[in-house]
Amino acid sequence: MSYQVDFKSILIGFLSAALLIGAFSFKDEASEKEGRYQTSVAESGVVILDTKTGAYIMSMNLSNYNWQKGDFSTTHRLSKAK
């Protein structure tokens, strides 16, 4: 029994494999947007966090709508400097 494999068959096999890998590697962009923002509510206030960028807004006194903006990288850098 002798098997012969020609260049055309190998090329078709590699291109088919590349097409399948490429087709399965794409992510659905809509699925990333779900759950991007997280909210934490307590008696002392509200924090809304953007989990993708690390930015947040918070209010410790909901009666006067005093919202403060920030991000975790700046907050972390400032806390290490003290």
PDB file of N, CA and C in Angstrom:
ATOM      1  N   MET A   1       0.824  -1.184   0.000  1.00  0.00           N
ATOM      2  CA  MET A   1       0.000   0.000   0.000  1.00  0.00           C
ATOM      3  C   MET A   1       0.868   1.247   0.000  1.00  0.00           C
ATOM      4  N   SER A   2       0.689   2.033  -0.969  1.00  0.00           N
ATOM      5  CA  SER A   2       1.461   3.254  -1.092  1.00  0.00           C
ATOM      6  C   SER A   2       0.491   4.430  -1.170  1.00  0.00           C
ATOM      7  N   TYR A   3       0.736   5.410  -0.293  1.00  0.00           N
ATOM      8  CA  TYR A   3      -0.110   6.599  -0.279  1.00  0.00           C
ATOM      9  C   TYR A   3       0.646   7.739  -0.938  1.00  0.00           C
ATOM     10  N   GLN A   4      -0.056   8.471  -1.759  1.00  0.00           N
ATOM     11  CA  GLN A   4       0.537   9.645  -2.368  1.00  0.00           C
ATOM     12  C   GLN A   4      -0.294  10.866  -1.980  1.00  0.00           C
ATOM     13  N   VAL A   5       0.399  11.880  -1.508  1.00  0.00           N
ATOM     14  CA  VAL A   5      -0.255  13.127  -1.141  1.00  0.00           C
ATOM     15  C   VAL A   5       0.346  14.215  -2.017  1.00  0.00           C
ATOM     16  N   ASP A   6      -0.510  14.890  -2.731  1.00  0.00           N
ATOM     17  CA  ASP A   6      -0.005  15.942  -3.606  1.00  0.00           C
ATOM     18  C   ASP A   6      -0.101  17.311  -2.916  1.00  0.00           C
ATOM     19  N   PHE A   7       0.570  18.266  -3.495  1.00  0.00           N
ATOM     20  CA  PHE A   7       0.640  19.615  -2.928  1.00  0.00           C
ATOM     21  C   PHE A   7      -0.741  20.264  -2.830  1.00  0.00           C
ATOM     22  N   LYS A   8      -1.591  20.018  -3.790  1.00  0.00           N
ATOM     23  CA  LYS A   8      -2.932  20.607  -3.817  1.00  0.00           C
ATOM     24  C   LYS A   8      -3.765  20.137  -2.620  1.00  0.00           C
ATOM     25  N   SER A   9      -3.681  18.875  -2.275  1.00  0.00           N
ATOM     26  CA  SER A   9      -4.424  18.348  -1.129  1.00  0.00           C
ATOM     27  C   SER A   9      -3.922  18.940   0.190  1.00  0.00           C
ATOM     28  N   ILE A  10      -2.605  19.075   0.315  1.00  0.00           N
ATOM     29  CA  ILE A  10      -2.030  19.670   1.534  1.00  0.00           C
ATOM     30  C   ILE A  10      -2.462  21.125   1.656  1.00  0.00           C
ATOM     31  N   LEU A  11      -2.430  21.856   0.578  1.00  0.00           N
ATOM     32  CA  LEU A  11      -2.830  23.260   0.582  1.00  0.00           C
ATOM     33  C   LEU A  11      -4.299  23.408   0.953  1.00  0.00           C
ATOM     34  N   ILE A  12      -5.162  22.596   0.399  1.00  0.00           N
ATOM     35  CA  ILE A  12      -6.596  22.639   0.728  1.00  0.00           C
ATOM     36  C   ILE A  12      -6.806  22.306   2.206  1.00  0.00           C
ATOM     37  N   GLY A  13      -6.070  21.349   2.737  1.00  0.00           N
ATOM     38  CA  GLY A  13      -6.181  20.995   4.153  1.00  0.00           C
ATOM     39  C   GLY A  13      -5.765  22.129   5.069  1.00  0.00           C
ATOM     40  N   PHE A  14      -4.630  22.763   4.783  1.00  0.00           N
ATOM     41  CA  PHE A  14      -4.176  23.882   5.600  1.00  0.00           C
ATOM     42  C   PHE A  14      -5.123  25.072   5.520  1.00  0.00           C
ATOM     43  N   LEU A  15      -5.618  25.373   4.338  1.00  0.00           N
ATOM     44  CA  LEU A  15      -6.558  26.494   4.197  1.00  0.00           C
ATOM     45  C   LEU A  15      -7.876  26.208   4.921  1.00  0.00           C
ATOM     46  N   SER A  16      -8.332  24.976   4.864  1.00  0.00           N
ATOM     47  CA  SER A  16      -9.555  24.609   5.581  1.00  0.00           C
ATOM     48  C   SER A  16      -9.369  24.736   7.091  1.00  0.00           C
ATOM     49  N   ALA A  17      -8.232  24.285   7.595  1.00  0.00           N
ATOM     50  CA  ALA A  17      -7.938  24.394   9.024  1.00  0.00           C
ATOM     51  C   ALA A  17      -7.838  25.867   9.445  1.00  0.00           C
ATOM     52  N   ALA A  18      -7.192  26.692   8.629  1.00  0.00           N
ATOM     53  CA  ALA A  18      -7.070  28.119   8.937  1.00  0.00           C
ATOM     54  C   ALA A  18      -8.436  28.797   8.944  1.00  0.00           C
ATOM     55  N   LEU A  19      -9.297  28.409   8.034  1.00  0.00           N
ATOM     56  CA  LEU A  19     -10.642  28.973   7.983  1.00  0.00           C
ATOM     57  C   LEU A  19     -11.437  28.590   9.227  1.00  0.00           C
ATOM     58  N   LEU A  20     -11.350  27.353   9.651  1.00  0.00           N
ATOM     59  CA  LEU A  20     -12.071  26.922  10.855  1.00  0.00           C
ATOM     60  C   LEU A  20     -11.546  27.615  12.103  1.00  0.00           C
ATOM     61  N   ILE A  21     -10.238  27.708  12.234  1.00  0.00           N
ATOM     62  CA  ILE A  21      -9.655  28.389  13.399  1.00  0.00           C
ATOM     63  C   ILE A  21     -10.049  29.860  13.402  1.00  0.00           C
ATOM     64  N   GLY A  22     -10.011  30.494  12.249  1.00  0.00           N
ATOM     65  CA  GLY A  22     -10.411  31.900  12.159  1.00  0.00           C
ATOM     66  C   GLY A  22     -11.878  32.105  12.477  1.00  0.00           C
ATOM     67  N   ALA A  23     -12.726  31.199  12.032  1.00  0.00           N
ATOM     68  CA  ALA A  23     -14.161  31.338  12.278  1.00  0.00           C
ATOM     69  C   ALA A  23     -14.494  31.183  13.758  1.00  0.00           C
ATOM     70  N   PHE A  24     -13.798  30.310  14.463  1.00  0.00           N
ATOM     71  CA  PHE A  24     -14.096  30.084  15.879  1.00  0.00           C
ATOM     72  C   PHE A  24     -13.381  31.056  16.809  1.00  0.00           C
ATOM     73  N   SER A  25     -12.457  31.838  16.312  1.00  0.00           N
ATOM     74  CA  SER A  25     -11.704  32.734  17.184  1.00  0.00           C
ATOM     75  C   SER A  25     -12.359  34.103  17.366  1.00  0.00           C
ATOM     76  N   PHE A  26     -13.365  34.443  16.585  1.00  0.00           N
ATOM     77  CA  PHE A  26     -14.012  35.738  16.726  1.00  0.00           C
ATOM     78  C   PHE A  26     -14.912  35.751  17.952  1.00  0.00           C
ATOM     79  N   LYS A  27     -14.875  36.888  18.687  1.00  0.00           N
ATOM     80  CA  LYS A  27     -15.723  37.045  19.855  1.00  0.00           C
ATOM     81  C   LYS A  27     -16.930  37.887  19.479  1.00  0.00           C
ATOM     82  N   ASP A  28     -18.012  37.642  20.181  1.00  0.00           N
ATOM     83  CA  ASP A  28     -19.215  38.430  19.998  1.00  0.00           C
ATOM     84  C   ASP A  28     -19.079  39.705  20.820  1.00  0.00           C
ATOM     85  N   GLU A  29     -19.064  40.858  20.175  1.00  0.00           N
ATOM     86  CA  GLU A  29     -18.878  42.132  20.876  1.00  0.00           C
ATOM     87  C   GLU A  29     -20.030  42.441  21.819  1.00  0.00           C
ATOM     88  N   ALA A  30     -21.218  41.989  21.521  1.00  0.00           N
ATOM     89  CA  ALA A  30     -22.373  42.275  22.371  1.00  0.00           C
ATOM     90  C   ALA A  30     -22.246  41.600  23.725  1.00  0.00           C
ATOM     91  N   SER A  31     -21.605  40.459  23.792  1.00  0.00           N
ATOM     92  CA  SER A  31     -21.495  39.750  25.065  1.00  0.00           C
ATOM     93  C   SER A  31     -20.570  40.475  26.038  1.00  0.00           C
ATOM     94  N   GLU A  32     -19.605  41.260  25.544  1.00  0.00           N
ATOM     95  CA  GLU A  32     -18.730  42.010  26.432  1.00  0.00           C
ATOM     96  C   GLU A  32     -19.448  43.158  27.112  1.00  0.00           C
ATOM     97  N   LYS A  33     -20.430  43.728  26.453  1.00  0.00           N
ATOM     98  CA  LYS A  33     -21.119  44.875  27.015  1.00  0.00           C
ATOM     99  C   LYS A  33     -22.053  44.485  28.153  1.00  0.00           C
ATOM    100  N   GLU A  34     -22.472  43.239  28.204  1.00  0.00           N
ATOM    101  CA  GLU A  34     -23.330  42.792  29.287  1.00  0.00           C
ATOM    102  C   GLU A  34     -22.494  42.645  30.552  1.00  0.00           C
ATOM    103  N   GLY A  35     -22.957  43.237  31.626  1.00  0.00           N
ATOM    104  CA  GLY A  35     -22.246  43.132  32.884  1.00  0.00           C
ATOM    105  C   GLY A  35     -21.039  44.042  32.998  1.00  0.00           C
ATOM    106  N   ARG A  36     -20.940  45.035  32.130  1.00  0.00           N
ATOM    107  CA  ARG A  36     -19.783  45.922  32.179  1.00  0.00           C
ATOM    108  C   ARG A  36     -19.822  46.827  33.406  1.00  0.00           C
ATOM    109  N   TYR A  37     -20.993  47.250  33.800  1.00  0.00           N
ATOM    110  CA  TYR A  37     -21.138  48.156  34.940  1.00  0.00           C
ATOM    111  C   TYR A  37     -21.655  47.390  36.146  1.00  0.00           C
ATOM    112  N   GLN A  38     -21.057  47.641  37.305  1.00  0.00           N
ATOM    113  CA  GLN A  38     -21.503  47.025  38.549  1.00  0.00           C
ATOM    114  C   GLN A  38     -21.870  48.126  39.523  1.00  0.00           C
ATOM    115  N   THR A  39     -22.937  47.887  40.254  1.00  0.00           N
ATOM    116  CA  THR A  39     -23.434  48.872  41.204  1.00  0.00           C
ATOM    117  C   THR A  39     -23.438  48.270  42.597  1.00  0.00           C
ATOM    118  N   SER A  40     -23.005  49.053  43.561  1.00  0.00           N
ATOM    119  CA  SER A  40     -23.054  48.644  44.961  1.00  0.00           C
ATOM    120  C   SER A  40     -23.812  49.721  45.730  1.00  0.00           C
ATOM    121  N   VAL A  41     -24.876  49.294  46.394  1.00  0.00           N
ATOM    122  CA  VAL A  41     -25.724  50.227  47.137  1.00  0.00           C
ATOM    123  C   VAL A  41     -25.692  49.835  48.605  1.00  0.00           C
ATOM    124  N   ALA A  42     -25.465  50.822  49.470  1.00  0.00           N
ATOM    125  CA  ALA A  42     -25.469  50.605  50.912  1.00  0.00           C
ATOM    126  C   ALA A  42     -26.148  51.798  51.563  1.00  0.00           C
ATOM    127  N   GLU A  43     -26.298  51.745  52.867  1.00  0.00           N
ATOM    128  CA  GLU A  43     -26.917  52.871  53.583  1.00  0.00           C
ATOM    129  C   GLU A  43     -26.076  54.130  53.470  1.00  0.00           C
ATOM    130  N   SER A  44     -24.768  53.958  53.343  1.00  0.00           N
ATOM    131  CA  SER A  44     -23.879  55.112  53.299  1.00  0.00           C
ATOM    132  C   SER A  44     -23.741  55.724  51.911  1.00  0.00           C
ATOM    133  N   GLY A  45     -24.186  55.041  50.850  1.00  0.00           N
ATOM    134  CA  GLY A  45     -24.077  55.619  49.518  1.00  0.00           C
ATOM    135  C   GLY A  45     -24.129  54.598  48.401  1.00  0.00           C
ATOM    136  N   VAL A  46     -23.787  55.073  47.192  1.00  0.00           N
ATOM    137  CA  VAL A  46     -23.844  54.260  45.982  1.00  0.00           C
ATOM    138  C   VAL A  46     -22.514  54.389  45.243  1.00  0.00           C
ATOM    139  N   VAL A  47     -22.031  53.255  44.691  1.00  0.00           N
ATOM    140  CA  VAL A  47     -20.841  53.258  43.835  1.00  0.00           C
ATOM    141  C   VAL A  47     -21.207  52.533  42.549  1.00  0.00           C
ATOM    142  N   ILE A  48     -20.926  53.170  41.395  1.00  0.00           N
ATOM    143  CA  ILE A  48     -21.141  52.556  40.087  1.00  0.00           C
ATOM    144  C   ILE A  48     -19.767  52.418  39.434  1.00  0.00           C
ATOM    145  N   LEU A  49     -19.393  51.174  39.106  1.00  0.00           N
ATOM    146  CA  LEU A  49     -18.061  50.861  38.601  1.00  0.00           C
ATOM    147  C   LEU A  49     -18.132  50.382  37.159  1.00  0.00           C
ATOM    148  N   ASP A  50     -17.263  50.925  36.314  1.00  0.00           N
ATOM    149  CA  ASP A  50     -17.073  50.430  34.947  1.00  0.00           C
ATOM    150  C   ASP A  50     -15.958  49.399  35.015  1.00  0.00           C
ATOM    151  N   THR A  51     -16.287  48.110  34.899  1.00  0.00           N
ATOM    152  CA  THR A  51     -15.302  47.055  35.082  1.00  0.00           C
ATOM    153  C   THR A  51     -14.287  46.983  33.950  1.00  0.00           C
ATOM    154  N   LYS A  52     -14.581  47.589  32.815  1.00  0.00           N
ATOM    155  CA  LYS A  52     -13.639  47.553  31.697  1.00  0.00           C
ATOM    156  C   LYS A  52     -12.523  48.591  31.863  1.00  0.00           C
ATOM    157  N   THR A  53     -12.864  49.795  32.302  1.00  0.00           N
ATOM    158  CA  THR A  53     -11.877  50.867  32.408  1.00  0.00           C
ATOM    159  C   THR A  53     -11.398  51.123  33.835  1.00  0.00           C
ATOM    160  N   GLY A  54     -12.152  50.680  34.845  1.00  0.00           N
ATOM    161  CA  GLY A  54     -11.794  50.941  36.231  1.00  0.00           C
ATOM    162  C   GLY A  54     -12.310  52.278  36.735  1.00  0.00           C
ATOM    163  N   ALA A  55     -13.045  53.012  35.903  1.00  0.00           N
ATOM    164  CA  ALA A  55     -13.604  54.295  36.319  1.00  0.00           C
ATOM    165  C   ALA A  55     -14.828  54.049  37.208  1.00  0.00           C
ATOM    166  N   TYR A  56     -15.068  54.962  38.129  1.00  0.00           N
ATOM    167  CA  TYR A  56     -16.234  54.834  38.996  1.00  0.00           C
ATOM    168  C   TYR A  56     -16.805  56.203  39.308  1.00  0.00           C
ATOM    169  N   ILE A  57     -18.072  56.212  39.701  1.00  0.00           N
ATOM    170  CA  ILE A  57     -18.705  57.394  40.278  1.00  0.00           C
ATOM    171  C   ILE A  57     -19.346  56.936  41.575  1.00  0.00           C
ATOM    172  N   MET A  58     -19.330  57.820  42.561  1.00  0.00           N
ATOM    173  CA  MET A  58     -19.914  57.460  43.846  1.00  0.00           C
ATOM    174  C   MET A  58     -20.577  58.668  44.474  1.00  0.00           C
ATOM    175  N   SER A  59     -21.556  58.368  45.290  1.00  0.00           N
ATOM    176  CA  SER A  59     -22.265  59.400  46.028  1.00  0.00           C
ATOM    177  C   SER A  59     -22.455  58.894  47.449  1.00  0.00           C
ATOM    178  N   MET A  60     -21.956  59.656  48.397  1.00  0.00           N
ATOM    179  CA  MET A  60     -22.110  59.274  49.804  1.00  0.00           C
ATOM    180  C   MET A  60     -23.322  59.933  50.443  1.00  0.00           C
ATOM    181  N   ASN A  61     -23.910  60.904  49.762  1.00  0.00           N
ATOM    182  CA  ASN A  61     -25.084  61.580  50.292  1.00  0.00           C
ATOM    183  C   ASN A  61     -26.086  61.706  49.148  1.00  0.00           C
ATOM    184  N   LEU A  62     -27.055  60.823  49.102  1.00  0.00           N
ATOM    185  CA  LEU A  62     -27.997  60.802  47.992  1.00  0.00           C
ATOM    186  C   LEU A  62     -29.031  61.922  48.049  1.00  0.00           C
ATOM    187  N   SER A  63     -29.127  62.609  49.154  1.00  0.00           N
ATOM    188  CA  SER A  63     -30.137  63.663  49.246  1.00  0.00           C
ATOM    189  C   SER A  63     -29.767  64.911  48.446  1.00  0.00           C
ATOM    190  N   ASN A  64     -28.467  65.174  48.235  1.00  0.00           N
ATOM    191  CA  ASN A  64     -28.088  66.377  47.485  1.00  0.00           C
ATOM    192  C   ASN A  64     -27.416  66.057  46.145  1.00  0.00           C
ATOM    193  N   TYR A  65     -27.418  64.797  45.717  1.00  0.00           N
ATOM    194  CA  TYR A  65     -26.880  64.376  44.415  1.00  0.00           C
ATOM    195  C   TYR A  65     -25.440  64.847  44.201  1.00  0.00           C
ATOM    196  N   ASN A  66     -24.606  64.640  45.187  1.00  0.00           N
ATOM    197  CA  ASN A  66     -23.202  65.029  45.116  1.00  0.00           C
ATOM    198  C   ASN A  66     -22.386  63.834  44.617  1.00  0.00           C
ATOM    199  N   TRP A  67     -22.208  63.709  43.298  1.00  0.00           N
ATOM    200  CA  TRP A  67     -21.495  62.578  42.701  1.00  0.00           C
ATOM    201  C   TRP A  67     -20.034  62.936  42.521  1.00  0.00           C
ATOM    202  N   GLN A  68     -19.145  61.990  42.815  1.00  0.00           N
ATOM    203  CA  GLN A  68     -17.710  62.174  42.637  1.00  0.00           C
ATOM    204  C   GLN A  68     -17.202  61.137  41.647  1.00  0.00           C
ATOM    205  N   LYS A  69     -16.339  61.585  40.715  1.00  0.00           N
ATOM    206  CA  LYS A  69     -15.764  60.683  39.718  1.00  0.00           C
ATOM    207  C   LYS A  69     -14.348  60.299  40.119  1.00  0.00           C
ATOM    208  N   GLY A  70     -13.924  59.127  39.640  1.00  0.00           N
ATOM    209  CA  GLY A  70     -12.559  58.684  39.892  1.00  0.00           C
ATOM    210  C   GLY A  70     -12.246  57.447  39.082  1.00  0.00           C
ATOM    211  N   ASP A  71     -11.012  56.975  39.206  1.00  0.00           N
ATOM    212  CA  ASP A  71     -10.651  55.700  38.593  1.00  0.00           C
ATOM    213  C   ASP A  71      -9.658  55.003  39.522  1.00  0.00           C
ATOM    214  N   PHE A  72      -9.623  53.682  39.434  1.00  0.00           N
ATOM    215  CA  PHE A  72      -8.845  52.906  40.379  1.00  0.00           C
ATOM    216  C   PHE A  72      -7.344  53.106  40.230  1.00  0.00           C
ATOM    217  N   SER A  73      -6.851  53.333  39.038  1.00  0.00           N
ATOM    218  CA  SER A  73      -5.402  53.504  38.885  1.00  0.00           C
ATOM    219  C   SER A  73      -4.930  54.786  39.575  1.00  0.00           C
ATOM    220  N   THR A  74      -5.680  55.867  39.442  1.00  0.00           N
ATOM    221  CA  THR A  74      -5.325  57.119  40.118  1.00  0.00           C
ATOM    222  C   THR A  74      -5.466  56.985  41.624  1.00  0.00           C
ATOM    223  N   THR A  75      -6.556  56.373  42.072  1.00  0.00           N
ATOM    224  CA  THR A  75      -6.783  56.191  43.500  1.00  0.00           C
ATOM    225  C   THR A  75      -5.682  55.332  44.114  1.00  0.00           C
ATOM    226  N   HIS A  76      -5.292  54.273  43.418  1.00  0.00           N
ATOM    227  CA  HIS A  76      -4.227  53.403  43.920  1.00  0.00           C
ATOM    228  C   HIS A  76      -2.889  54.129  43.978  1.00  0.00           C
ATOM    229  N   ARG A  77      -2.587  54.894  42.936  1.00  0.00           N
ATOM    230  CA  ARG A  77      -1.325  55.644  42.902  1.00  0.00           C
ATOM    231  C   ARG A  77      -1.274  56.678  44.020  1.00  0.00           C
ATOM    232  N   LEU A  78      -2.376  57.369  44.274  1.00  0.00           N
ATOM    233  CA  LEU A  78      -2.409  58.374  45.323  1.00  0.00           C
ATOM    234  C   LEU A  78      -2.319  57.741  46.715  1.00  0.00           C
ATOM    235  N   SER A  79      -2.939  56.577  46.900  1.00  0.00           N
ATOM    236  CA  SER A  79      -2.892  55.926  48.204  1.00  0.00           C
ATOM    237  C   SER A  79      -1.491  55.391  48.511  1.00  0.00           C
ATOM    238  N   LYS A  80      -0.739  54.984  47.490  1.00  0.00           N
ATOM    239  CA  LYS A  80       0.636  54.504  47.706  1.00  0.00           C
ATOM    240  C   LYS A  80       1.585  55.668  47.992  1.00  0.00           C
ATOM    241  N   ALA A  81       1.250  56.873  47.497  1.00  0.00           N
ATOM    242  CA  ALA A  81       2.108  58.033  47.693  1.00  0.00           C
ATOM    243  C   ALA A  81       2.035  58.570  49.115  1.00  0.00           C
ATOM    244  N   LYS A  82       0.954  58.263  49.821  1.00  0.00           N
ATOM    245  CA  LYS A  82       0.785  58.788  51.207  1.00  0.00           C
ATOM    246  C   LYS A  82       1.600  58.027  52.198  1.00  0.00           C
TER     247      LYS A  82
END
